[in-house]
Amino acid sequence: MKPFERITNPRGIRRRLRLNQQEFWSRVGVTQSGGSRYESGRSMPRPVRELLRLVHIEGIELAKARGKDFEVVSYLKRANPRLYRALTRAALGKNGRRK
């Protein structure tokens, strides 16, 4: 799976990682029953999709994320919005949208 690819099949990702629902969803702060609903087709909120991508695709442990990382992004967005937009477009693709 490519980085920043839109998460459309969480069940497939979970199965590829060989995790049960409890293991998979608890790592992103979602209950097993909530994860089951997403796997059955219920619309997944963007923050949940992003957490899923960060944890299970990018391999980032949420426990290791620090507030300063988020502060750097916020600072960049305020201090140099042009660079922030350019980096966002580069990370997400040519048109600035998820593929």
PDB file of N, CA and C in Angstrom:
ATOM      1  N   MET A   1       0.843  -1.180   0.000  1.00  0.00           N
ATOM      2  CA  MET A   1       0.000   0.000   0.000  1.00  0.00           C
ATOM      3  C   MET A   1       0.881   1.234   0.000  1.00  0.00           C
ATOM      4  N   LYS A   2       0.523   2.218  -0.806  1.00  0.00           N
ATOM      5  CA  LYS A   2       1.292   3.446  -0.895  1.00  0.00           C
ATOM      6  C   LYS A   2       1.003   4.329   0.312  1.00  0.00           C
ATOM      7  N   PRO A   3       2.011   5.093   0.768  1.00  0.00           N
ATOM      8  CA  PRO A   3       1.742   6.049   1.831  1.00  0.00           C
ATOM      9  C   PRO A   3       0.659   7.020   1.367  1.00  0.00           C
ATOM     10  N   PHE A   4      -0.163   7.465   2.275  1.00  0.00           N
ATOM     11  CA  PHE A   4      -1.226   8.438   2.033  1.00  0.00           C
ATOM     12  C   PHE A   4      -2.343   7.901   1.151  1.00  0.00           C
ATOM     13  N   GLU A   5      -2.332   6.603   0.906  1.00  0.00           N
ATOM     14  CA  GLU A   5      -3.431   6.023   0.151  1.00  0.00           C
ATOM     15  C   GLU A   5      -4.677   6.057   1.020  1.00  0.00           C
ATOM     16  N   ARG A   6      -5.794   6.364   0.431  1.00  0.00           N
ATOM     17  CA  ARG A   6      -7.048   6.435   1.181  1.00  0.00           C
ATOM     18  C   ARG A   6      -7.399   5.052   1.720  1.00  0.00           C
ATOM     19  N   ILE A   7      -7.794   5.022   2.967  1.00  0.00           N
ATOM     20  CA  ILE A   7      -8.149   3.768   3.610  1.00  0.00           C
ATOM     21  C   ILE A   7      -9.587   3.431   3.241  1.00  0.00           C
ATOM     22  N   THR A   8      -9.771   2.412   2.426  1.00  0.00           N
ATOM     23  CA  THR A   8     -11.116   2.009   2.011  1.00  0.00           C
ATOM     24  C   THR A   8     -11.445   0.588   2.445  1.00  0.00           C
ATOM     25  N   ASN A   9     -10.445  -0.174   2.859  1.00  0.00           N
ATOM     26  CA  ASN A   9     -10.675  -1.567   3.216  1.00  0.00           C
ATOM     27  C   ASN A   9      -9.929  -1.906   4.511  1.00  0.00           C
ATOM     28  N   PRO A  10     -10.439  -1.436   5.652  1.00  0.00           N
ATOM     29  CA  PRO A  10      -9.723  -1.717   6.897  1.00  0.00           C
ATOM     30  C   PRO A  10      -9.647  -3.203   7.216  1.00  0.00           C
ATOM     31  N   ARG A  11     -10.666  -3.963   6.837  1.00  0.00           N
ATOM     32  CA  ARG A  11     -10.642  -5.407   7.087  1.00  0.00           C
ATOM     33  C   ARG A  11      -9.469  -6.058   6.352  1.00  0.00           C
ATOM     34  N   GLY A  12      -9.240  -5.655   5.116  1.00  0.00           N
ATOM     35  CA  GLY A  12      -8.126  -6.202   4.345  1.00  0.00           C
ATOM     36  C   GLY A  12      -6.786  -5.884   4.975  1.00  0.00           C
ATOM     37  N   ILE A  13      -6.649  -4.660   5.473  1.00  0.00           N
ATOM     38  CA  ILE A  13      -5.404  -4.266   6.144  1.00  0.00           C
ATOM     39  C   ILE A  13      -5.216  -5.118   7.400  1.00  0.00           C
ATOM     40  N   ARG A  14      -6.290  -5.247   8.184  1.00  0.00           N
ATOM     41  CA  ARG A  14      -6.220  -6.027   9.427  1.00  0.00           C
ATOM     42  C   ARG A  14      -5.838  -7.472   9.140  1.00  0.00           C
ATOM     43  N   ARG A  15      -6.466  -8.042   8.148  1.00  0.00           N
ATOM     44  CA  ARG A  15      -6.171  -9.444   7.817  1.00  0.00           C
ATOM     45  C   ARG A  15      -4.744  -9.613   7.311  1.00  0.00           C
ATOM     46  N   ARG A  16      -4.279  -8.664   6.509  1.00  0.00           N
ATOM     47  CA  ARG A  16      -2.905  -8.740   6.010  1.00  0.00           C
ATOM     48  C   ARG A  16      -1.900  -8.672   7.164  1.00  0.00           C
ATOM     49  N   LEU A  17      -2.246  -7.904   8.206  1.00  0.00           N
ATOM     50  CA  LEU A  17      -1.376  -7.797   9.375  1.00  0.00           C
ATOM     51  C   LEU A  17      -1.560  -8.952  10.353  1.00  0.00           C
ATOM     52  N   ARG A  18      -2.555  -9.803  10.071  1.00  0.00           N
ATOM     53  CA  ARG A  18      -2.862 -10.970  10.907  1.00  0.00           C
ATOM     54  C   ARG A  18      -3.167 -10.585  12.354  1.00  0.00           C
ATOM     55  N   LEU A  19      -4.031  -9.583  12.500  1.00  0.00           N
ATOM     56  CA  LEU A  19      -4.466  -9.135  13.817  1.00  0.00           C
ATOM     57  C   LEU A  19      -5.959  -9.393  13.959  1.00  0.00           C
ATOM     58  N   ASN A  20      -6.384  -9.691  15.179  1.00  0.00           N
ATOM     59  CA  ASN A  20      -7.822  -9.780  15.387  1.00  0.00           C
ATOM     60  C   ASN A  20      -8.369  -8.363  15.549  1.00  0.00           C
ATOM     61  N   GLN A  21      -9.689  -8.236  15.553  1.00  0.00           N
ATOM     62  CA  GLN A  21     -10.285  -6.899  15.611  1.00  0.00           C
ATOM     63  C   GLN A  21      -9.867  -6.141  16.864  1.00  0.00           C
ATOM     64  N   GLN A  22      -9.831  -6.815  17.994  1.00  0.00           N
ATOM     65  CA  GLN A  22      -9.457  -6.151  19.244  1.00  0.00           C
ATOM     66  C   GLN A  22      -8.046  -5.563  19.150  1.00  0.00           C
ATOM     67  N   GLU A  23      -7.087  -6.357  18.691  1.00  0.00           N
ATOM     68  CA  GLU A  23      -5.696  -5.887  18.574  1.00  0.00           C
ATOM     69  C   GLU A  23      -5.589  -4.722  17.590  1.00  0.00           C
ATOM     70  N   PHE A  24      -6.219  -4.882  16.447  1.00  0.00           N
ATOM     71  CA  PHE A  24      -6.121  -3.893  15.368  1.00  0.00           C
ATOM     72  C   PHE A  24      -6.734  -2.559  15.769  1.00  0.00           C
ATOM     73  N   TRP A  25      -7.971  -2.586  16.219  1.00  0.00           N
ATOM     74  CA  TRP A  25      -8.693  -1.338  16.478  1.00  0.00           C
ATOM     75  C   TRP A  25      -8.266  -0.664  17.768  1.00  0.00           C
ATOM     76  N   SER A  26      -7.862  -1.421  18.773  1.00  0.00           N
ATOM     77  CA  SER A  26      -7.466  -0.796  20.038  1.00  0.00           C
ATOM     78  C   SER A  26      -6.225   0.071  19.863  1.00  0.00           C
ATOM     79  N   ARG A  27      -5.396  -0.224  18.903  1.00  0.00           N
ATOM     80  CA  ARG A  27      -4.180   0.571  18.674  1.00  0.00           C
ATOM     81  C   ARG A  27      -4.490   1.969  18.160  1.00  0.00           C
ATOM     82  N   VAL A  28      -5.697   2.168  17.656  1.00  0.00           N
ATOM     83  CA  VAL A  28      -6.095   3.509  17.193  1.00  0.00           C
ATOM     84  C   VAL A  28      -7.219   4.081  18.060  1.00  0.00           C
ATOM     85  N   GLY A  29      -7.480   3.447  19.201  1.00  0.00           N
ATOM     86  CA  GLY A  29      -8.451   3.972  20.141  1.00  0.00           C
ATOM     87  C   GLY A  29      -9.902   3.729  19.778  1.00  0.00           C
ATOM     88  N   VAL A  30     -10.162   2.683  19.006  1.00  0.00           N
ATOM     89  CA  VAL A  30     -11.524   2.336  18.601  1.00  0.00           C
ATOM     90  C   VAL A  30     -11.867   1.000  19.242  1.00  0.00           C
ATOM     91  N   THR A  31     -13.107   0.880  19.726  1.00  0.00           N
ATOM     92  CA  THR A  31     -13.530  -0.385  20.318  1.00  0.00           C
ATOM     93  C   THR A  31     -13.645  -1.452  19.234  1.00  0.00           C
ATOM     94  N   GLN A  32     -13.642  -2.688  19.668  1.00  0.00           N
ATOM     95  CA  GLN A  32     -13.793  -3.800  18.722  1.00  0.00           C
ATOM     96  C   GLN A  32     -15.125  -3.686  17.991  1.00  0.00           C
ATOM     97  N   SER A  33     -16.193  -3.357  18.713  1.00  0.00           N
ATOM     98  CA  SER A  33     -17.506  -3.264  18.063  1.00  0.00           C
ATOM     99  C   SER A  33     -17.560  -2.098  17.072  1.00  0.00           C
ATOM    100  N   GLY A  34     -16.922  -0.986  17.411  1.00  0.00           N
ATOM    101  CA  GLY A  34     -16.861   0.140  16.472  1.00  0.00           C
ATOM    102  C   GLY A  34     -16.076  -0.238  15.226  1.00  0.00           C
ATOM    103  N   GLY A  35     -14.950  -0.917  15.418  1.00  0.00           N
ATOM    104  CA  GLY A  35     -14.142  -1.358  14.278  1.00  0.00           C
ATOM    105  C   GLY A  35     -14.905  -2.332  13.405  1.00  0.00           C
ATOM    106  N   SER A  36     -15.680  -3.200  14.027  1.00  0.00           N
ATOM    107  CA  SER A  36     -16.492  -4.148  13.268  1.00  0.00           C
ATOM    108  C   SER A  36     -17.483  -3.407  12.368  1.00  0.00           C
ATOM    109  N   ARG A  37     -18.075  -2.347  12.885  1.00  0.00           N
ATOM    110  CA  ARG A  37     -19.007  -1.556  12.068  1.00  0.00           C
ATOM    111  C   ARG A  37     -18.295  -0.919  10.878  1.00  0.00           C
ATOM    112  N   TYR A  38     -17.084  -0.400  11.099  1.00  0.00           N
ATOM    113  CA  TYR A  38     -16.330   0.191   9.984  1.00  0.00           C
ATOM    114  C   TYR A  38     -15.979  -0.873   8.950  1.00  0.00           C
ATOM    115  N   GLU A  39     -15.622  -2.044   9.416  1.00  0.00           N
ATOM    116  CA  GLU A  39     -15.281  -3.131   8.495  1.00  0.00           C
ATOM    117  C   GLU A  39     -16.497  -3.611   7.709  1.00  0.00           C
ATOM    118  N   SER A  40     -17.679  -3.385   8.266  1.00  0.00           N
ATOM    119  CA  SER A  40     -18.916  -3.794   7.586  1.00  0.00           C
ATOM    120  C   SER A  40     -19.450  -2.732   6.641  1.00  0.00           C
ATOM    121  N   GLY A  41     -18.745  -1.620   6.530  1.00  0.00           N
ATOM    122  CA  GLY A  41     -19.142  -0.610   5.558  1.00  0.00           C
ATOM    123  C   GLY A  41     -19.618   0.710   6.116  1.00  0.00           C
ATOM    124  N   ARG A  42     -19.729   0.832   7.427  1.00  0.00           N
ATOM    125  CA  ARG A  42     -20.126   2.123   7.985  1.00  0.00           C
ATOM    126  C   ARG A  42     -19.049   3.155   7.684  1.00  0.00           C
ATOM    127  N   SER A  43     -19.482   4.361   7.416  1.00  0.00           N
ATOM    128  CA  SER A  43     -18.546   5.442   7.097  1.00  0.00           C
ATOM    129  C   SER A  43     -17.590   5.676   8.266  1.00  0.00           C
ATOM    130  N   MET A  44     -16.301   5.761   7.939  1.00  0.00           N
ATOM    131  CA  MET A  44     -15.271   5.953   8.951  1.00  0.00           C
ATOM    132  C   MET A  44     -14.880   7.437   8.973  1.00  0.00           C
ATOM    133  N   PRO A  45     -14.941   8.088  10.133  1.00  0.00           N
ATOM    134  CA  PRO A  45     -14.542   9.490  10.205  1.00  0.00           C
ATOM    135  C   PRO A  45     -13.089   9.677   9.780  1.00  0.00           C
ATOM    136  N   ARG A  46     -12.802  10.820   9.188  1.00  0.00           N
ATOM    137  CA  ARG A  46     -11.452  11.094   8.707  1.00  0.00           C
ATOM    138  C   ARG A  46     -10.380  10.933   9.795  1.00  0.00           C
ATOM    139  N   PRO A  47     -10.609  11.435  11.034  1.00  0.00           N
ATOM    140  CA  PRO A  47      -9.568  11.246  12.055  1.00  0.00           C
ATOM    141  C   PRO A  47      -9.253   9.769  12.320  1.00  0.00           C
ATOM    142  N   VAL A  48     -10.266   8.924  12.282  1.00  0.00           N
ATOM    143  CA  VAL A  48     -10.032   7.487  12.490  1.00  0.00           C
ATOM    144  C   VAL A  48      -9.233   6.922  11.325  1.00  0.00           C
ATOM    145  N   ARG A  49      -9.597   7.321  10.088  1.00  0.00           N
ATOM    146  CA  ARG A  49      -8.832   6.861   8.908  1.00  0.00           C
ATOM    147  C   ARG A  49      -7.379   7.282   9.015  1.00  0.00           C
ATOM    148  N   GLU A  50      -7.145   8.525   9.444  1.00  0.00           N
ATOM    149  CA  GLU A  50      -5.771   9.022   9.550  1.00  0.00           C
ATOM    150  C   GLU A  50      -4.998   8.273  10.635  1.00  0.00           C
ATOM    151  N   LEU A  51      -5.642   8.027  11.774  1.00  0.00           N
ATOM    152  CA  LEU A  51      -4.974   7.260  12.823  1.00  0.00           C
ATOM    153  C   LEU A  51      -4.656   5.856  12.339  1.00  0.00           C
ATOM    154  N   LEU A  52      -5.599   5.253  11.644  1.00  0.00           N
ATOM    155  CA  LEU A  52      -5.386   3.907  11.100  1.00  0.00           C
ATOM    156  C   LEU A  52      -4.188   3.908  10.146  1.00  0.00           C
ATOM    157  N   ARG A  53      -4.128   4.906   9.289  1.00  0.00           N
ATOM    158  CA  ARG A  53      -3.011   5.008   8.339  1.00  0.00           C
ATOM    159  C   ARG A  53      -1.689   5.191   9.068  1.00  0.00           C
ATOM    160  N   LEU A  54      -1.669   6.104  10.040  1.00  0.00           N
ATOM    161  CA  LEU A  54      -0.427   6.365  10.771  1.00  0.00           C
ATOM    162  C   LEU A  54       0.066   5.133  11.522  1.00  0.00           C
ATOM    163  N   VAL A  55      -0.847   4.461  12.180  1.00  0.00           N
ATOM    164  CA  VAL A  55      -0.462   3.320  13.023  1.00  0.00           C
ATOM    165  C   VAL A  55      -0.173   2.070  12.206  1.00  0.00           C
ATOM    166  N   HIS A  56      -1.088   1.711  11.294  1.00  0.00           N
ATOM    167  CA  HIS A  56      -0.968   0.420  10.623  1.00  0.00           C
ATOM    168  C   HIS A  56      -0.288   0.476   9.258  1.00  0.00           C
ATOM    169  N   ILE A  57      -0.214   1.636   8.643  1.00  0.00           N
ATOM    170  CA  ILE A  57       0.470   1.758   7.352  1.00  0.00           C
ATOM    171  C   ILE A  57       1.861   2.366   7.544  1.00  0.00           C
ATOM    172  N   GLU A  58       1.910   3.482   8.272  1.00  0.00           N
ATOM    173  CA  GLU A  58       3.189   4.167   8.483  1.00  0.00           C
ATOM    174  C   GLU A  58       3.999   3.559   9.625  1.00  0.00           C
ATOM    175  N   GLY A  59       3.341   2.788  10.489  1.00  0.00           N
ATOM    176  CA  GLY A  59       4.047   2.124  11.587  1.00  0.00           C
ATOM    177  C   GLY A  59       4.405   3.033  12.746  1.00  0.00           C
ATOM    178  N   ILE A  60       3.655   4.104  12.949  1.00  0.00           N
ATOM    179  CA  ILE A  60       3.923   5.046  14.037  1.00  0.00           C
ATOM    180  C   ILE A  60       3.111   4.628  15.257  1.00  0.00           C
ATOM    181  N   GLU A  61       3.769   4.472  16.369  1.00  0.00           N
ATOM    182  CA  GLU A  61       3.065   4.143  17.607  1.00  0.00           C
ATOM    183  C   GLU A  61       2.536   5.432  18.208  1.00  0.00           C
ATOM    184  N   LEU A  62       1.244   5.475  18.478  1.00  0.00           N
ATOM    185  CA  LEU A  62       0.645   6.682  19.030  1.00  0.00           C
ATOM    186  C   LEU A  62       1.257   7.076  20.361  1.00  0.00           C
ATOM    187  N   ALA A  63       1.662   6.093  21.144  1.00  0.00           N
ATOM    188  CA  ALA A  63       2.260   6.383  22.446  1.00  0.00           C
ATOM    189  C   ALA A  63       3.573   7.153  22.304  1.00  0.00           C
ATOM    190  N   LYS A  64       4.218   7.046  21.146  1.00  0.00           N
ATOM    191  CA  LYS A  64       5.500   7.718  20.941  1.00  0.00           C
ATOM    192  C   LYS A  64       5.356   9.086  20.287  1.00  0.00           C
ATOM    193  N   ALA A  65       4.165   9.420  19.784  1.00  0.00           N
ATOM    194  CA  ALA A  65       3.949  10.740  19.182  1.00  0.00           C
ATOM    195  C   ALA A  65       4.009  11.776  20.290  1.00  0.00           C
ATOM    196  N   ARG A  66       4.667  12.859  20.009  1.00  0.00           N
ATOM    197  CA  ARG A  66       4.850  13.904  21.008  1.00  0.00           C
ATOM    198  C   ARG A  66       4.133  15.172  20.578  1.00  0.00           C
ATOM    199  N   GLY A  67       3.729  15.936  21.557  1.00  0.00           N
ATOM    200  CA  GLY A  67       3.066  17.204  21.286  1.00  0.00           C
ATOM    201  C   GLY A  67       3.921  18.132  20.441  1.00  0.00           C
ATOM    202  N   LYS A  68       5.240  18.061  20.622  1.00  0.00           N
ATOM    203  CA  LYS A  68       6.111  18.955  19.864  1.00  0.00           C
ATOM    204  C   LYS A  68       6.033  18.667  18.363  1.00  0.00           C
ATOM    205  N   ASP A  69       5.774  17.415  17.987  1.00  0.00           N
ATOM    206  CA  ASP A  69       5.634  17.088  16.571  1.00  0.00           C
ATOM    207  C   ASP A  69       4.453  17.841  15.965  1.00  0.00           C
ATOM    208  N   PHE A  70       3.362  17.885  16.715  1.00  0.00           N
ATOM    209  CA  PHE A  70       2.172  18.584  16.240  1.00  0.00           C
ATOM    210  C   PHE A  70       2.381  20.097  16.272  1.00  0.00           C
ATOM    211  N   GLU A  71       3.151  20.569  17.249  1.00  0.00           N
ATOM    212  CA  GLU A  71       3.454  21.996  17.333  1.00  0.00           C
ATOM    213  C   GLU A  71       4.281  22.445  16.133  1.00  0.00           C
ATOM    214  N   VAL A  72       5.214  21.620  15.676  1.00  0.00           N
ATOM    215  CA  VAL A  72       6.034  21.954  14.509  1.00  0.00           C
ATOM    216  C   VAL A  72       5.148  22.116  13.277  1.00  0.00           C
ATOM    217  N   VAL A  73       4.217  21.190  13.101  1.00  0.00           N
ATOM    218  CA  VAL A  73       3.308  21.282  11.957  1.00  0.00           C
ATOM    219  C   VAL A  73       2.465  22.547  12.051  1.00  0.00           C
ATOM    220  N   SER A  74       1.939  22.842  13.227  1.00  0.00           N
ATOM    221  CA  SER A  74       1.132  24.054  13.404  1.00  0.00           C
ATOM    222  C   SER A  74       1.952  25.301  13.133  1.00  0.00           C
ATOM    223  N   TYR A  75       3.188  25.309  13.611  1.00  0.00           N
ATOM    224  CA  TYR A  75       4.062  26.454  13.365  1.00  0.00           C
ATOM    225  C   TYR A  75       4.331  26.630  11.874  1.00  0.00           C
ATOM    226  N   LEU A  76       4.660  25.563  11.194  1.00  0.00           N
ATOM    227  CA  LEU A  76       4.922  25.629   9.756  1.00  0.00           C
ATOM    228  C   LEU A  76       3.701  26.167   9.012  1.00  0.00           C
ATOM    229  N   LYS A  77       2.543  25.710   9.394  1.00  0.00           N
ATOM    230  CA  LYS A  77       1.304  26.140   8.747  1.00  0.00           C
ATOM    231  C   LYS A  77       1.096  27.648   8.926  1.00  0.00           C
ATOM    232  N   ARG A  78       1.410  28.163  10.112  1.00  0.00           N
ATOM    233  CA  ARG A  78       1.249  29.602  10.381  1.00  0.00           C
ATOM    234  C   ARG A  78       2.379  30.428   9.773  1.00  0.00           C
ATOM    235  N   ALA A  79       3.620  29.974   9.964  1.00  0.00           N
ATOM    236  CA  ALA A  79       4.780  30.772   9.595  1.00  0.00           C
ATOM    237  C   ALA A  79       5.055  30.777   8.097  1.00  0.00           C
ATOM    238  N   ASN A  80       4.782  29.666   7.423  1.00  0.00           N
ATOM    239  CA  ASN A  80       5.081  29.587   6.001  1.00  0.00           C
ATOM    240  C   ASN A  80       3.981  28.774   5.310  1.00  0.00           C
ATOM    241  N   PRO A  81       2.805  29.379   5.169  1.00  0.00           N
ATOM    242  CA  PRO A  81       1.678  28.633   4.596  1.00  0.00           C
ATOM    243  C   PRO A  81       1.953  28.131   3.178  1.00  0.00           C
ATOM    244  N   ARG A  82       2.733  28.867   2.417  1.00  0.00           N
ATOM    245  CA  ARG A  82       3.048  28.427   1.054  1.00  0.00           C
ATOM    246  C   ARG A  82       3.849  27.128   1.081  1.00  0.00           C
ATOM    247  N   LEU A  83       4.860  27.067   1.938  1.00  0.00           N
ATOM    248  CA  LEU A  83       5.652  25.841   2.059  1.00  0.00           C
ATOM    249  C   LEU A  83       4.792  24.701   2.602  1.00  0.00           C
ATOM    250  N   TYR A  84       3.945  25.006   3.580  1.00  0.00           N
ATOM    251  CA  TYR A  84       3.056  23.982   4.130  1.00  0.00           C
ATOM    252  C   TYR A  84       2.164  23.401   3.030  1.00  0.00           C
ATOM    253  N   ARG A  85       1.567  24.262   2.198  1.00  0.00           N
ATOM    254  CA  ARG A  85       0.709  23.776   1.105  1.00  0.00           C
ATOM    255  C   ARG A  85       1.507  22.957   0.099  1.00  0.00           C
ATOM    256  N   ALA A  86       2.724  23.415  -0.209  1.00  0.00           N
ATOM    257  CA  ALA A  86       3.562  22.675  -1.165  1.00  0.00           C
ATOM    258  C   ALA A  86       3.919  21.287  -0.611  1.00  0.00           C
ATOM    259  N   LEU A  87       4.260  21.225   0.660  1.00  0.00           N
ATOM    260  CA  LEU A  87       4.585  19.932   1.272  1.00  0.00           C
ATOM    261  C   LEU A  87       3.355  19.031   1.332  1.00  0.00           C
ATOM    262  N   THR A  88       2.220  19.619   1.624  1.00  0.00           N
ATOM    263  CA  THR A  88       0.981  18.846   1.653  1.00  0.00           C
ATOM    264  C   THR A  88       0.668  18.278   0.278  1.00  0.00           C
ATOM    265  N   ARG A  89       0.782  19.115  -0.753  1.00  0.00           N
ATOM    266  CA  ARG A  89       0.537  18.637  -2.123  1.00  0.00           C
ATOM    267  C   ARG A  89       1.523  17.539  -2.492  1.00  0.00           C
ATOM    268  N   ALA A  90       2.785  17.709  -2.132  1.00  0.00           N
ATOM    269  CA  ALA A  90       3.790  16.702  -2.453  1.00  0.00           C
ATOM    270  C   ALA A  90       3.482  15.385  -1.743  1.00  0.00           C
ATOM    271  N   ALA A  91       3.031  15.477  -0.508  1.00  0.00           N
ATOM    272  CA  ALA A  91       2.744  14.265   0.258  1.00  0.00           C
ATOM    273  C   ALA A  91       1.469  13.575  -0.218  1.00  0.00           C
ATOM    274  N   LEU A  92       0.478  14.358  -0.629  1.00  0.00           N
ATOM    275  CA  LEU A  92      -0.817  13.789  -0.994  1.00  0.00           C
ATOM    276  C   LEU A  92      -0.957  13.488  -2.481  1.00  0.00           C
ATOM    277  N   GLY A  93      -0.138  14.081  -3.287  1.00  0.00           N
ATOM    278  CA  GLY A  93      -0.252  13.872  -4.723  1.00  0.00           C
ATOM    279  C   GLY A  93      -0.340  15.208  -5.450  1.00  0.00           C
ATOM    280  N   LYS A  94      -0.345  15.134  -6.733  1.00  0.00           N
ATOM    281  CA  LYS A  94      -0.285  16.314  -7.590  1.00  0.00           C
ATOM    282  C   LYS A  94      -1.386  17.335  -7.316  1.00  0.00           C
ATOM    283  N   ASN A  95      -2.621  16.879  -7.156  1.00  0.00           N
ATOM    284  CA  ASN A  95      -3.734  17.819  -6.981  1.00  0.00           C
ATOM    285  C   ASN A  95      -4.062  18.106  -5.524  1.00  0.00           C
ATOM    286  N   GLY A  96      -3.259  17.613  -4.581  1.00  0.00           N
ATOM    287  CA  GLY A  96      -3.491  17.884  -3.182  1.00  0.00           C
ATOM    288  C   GLY A  96      -4.578  17.038  -2.547  1.00  0.00           C
ATOM    289  N   ARG A  97      -5.058  16.047  -3.268  1.00  0.00           N
ATOM    290  CA  ARG A  97      -6.076  15.133  -2.732  1.00  0.00           C
ATOM    291  C   ARG A  97      -5.496  13.756  -2.571  1.00  0.00           C
ATOM    292  N   ARG A  98      -6.102  13.022  -1.701  1.00  0.00           N
ATOM    293  CA  ARG A  98      -5.682  11.634  -1.513  1.00  0.00           C
ATOM    294  C   ARG A  98      -5.984  10.855  -2.772  1.00  0.00           C
ATOM    295  N   LYS A  99      -5.115   9.937  -3.084  1.00  0.00           N
ATOM    296  CA  LYS A  99      -5.308   9.120  -4.279  1.00  0.00           C
ATOM    297  C   LYS A  99      -6.347   8.065  -4.049  1.00  0.00           C
TER     298      LYS A  99
END
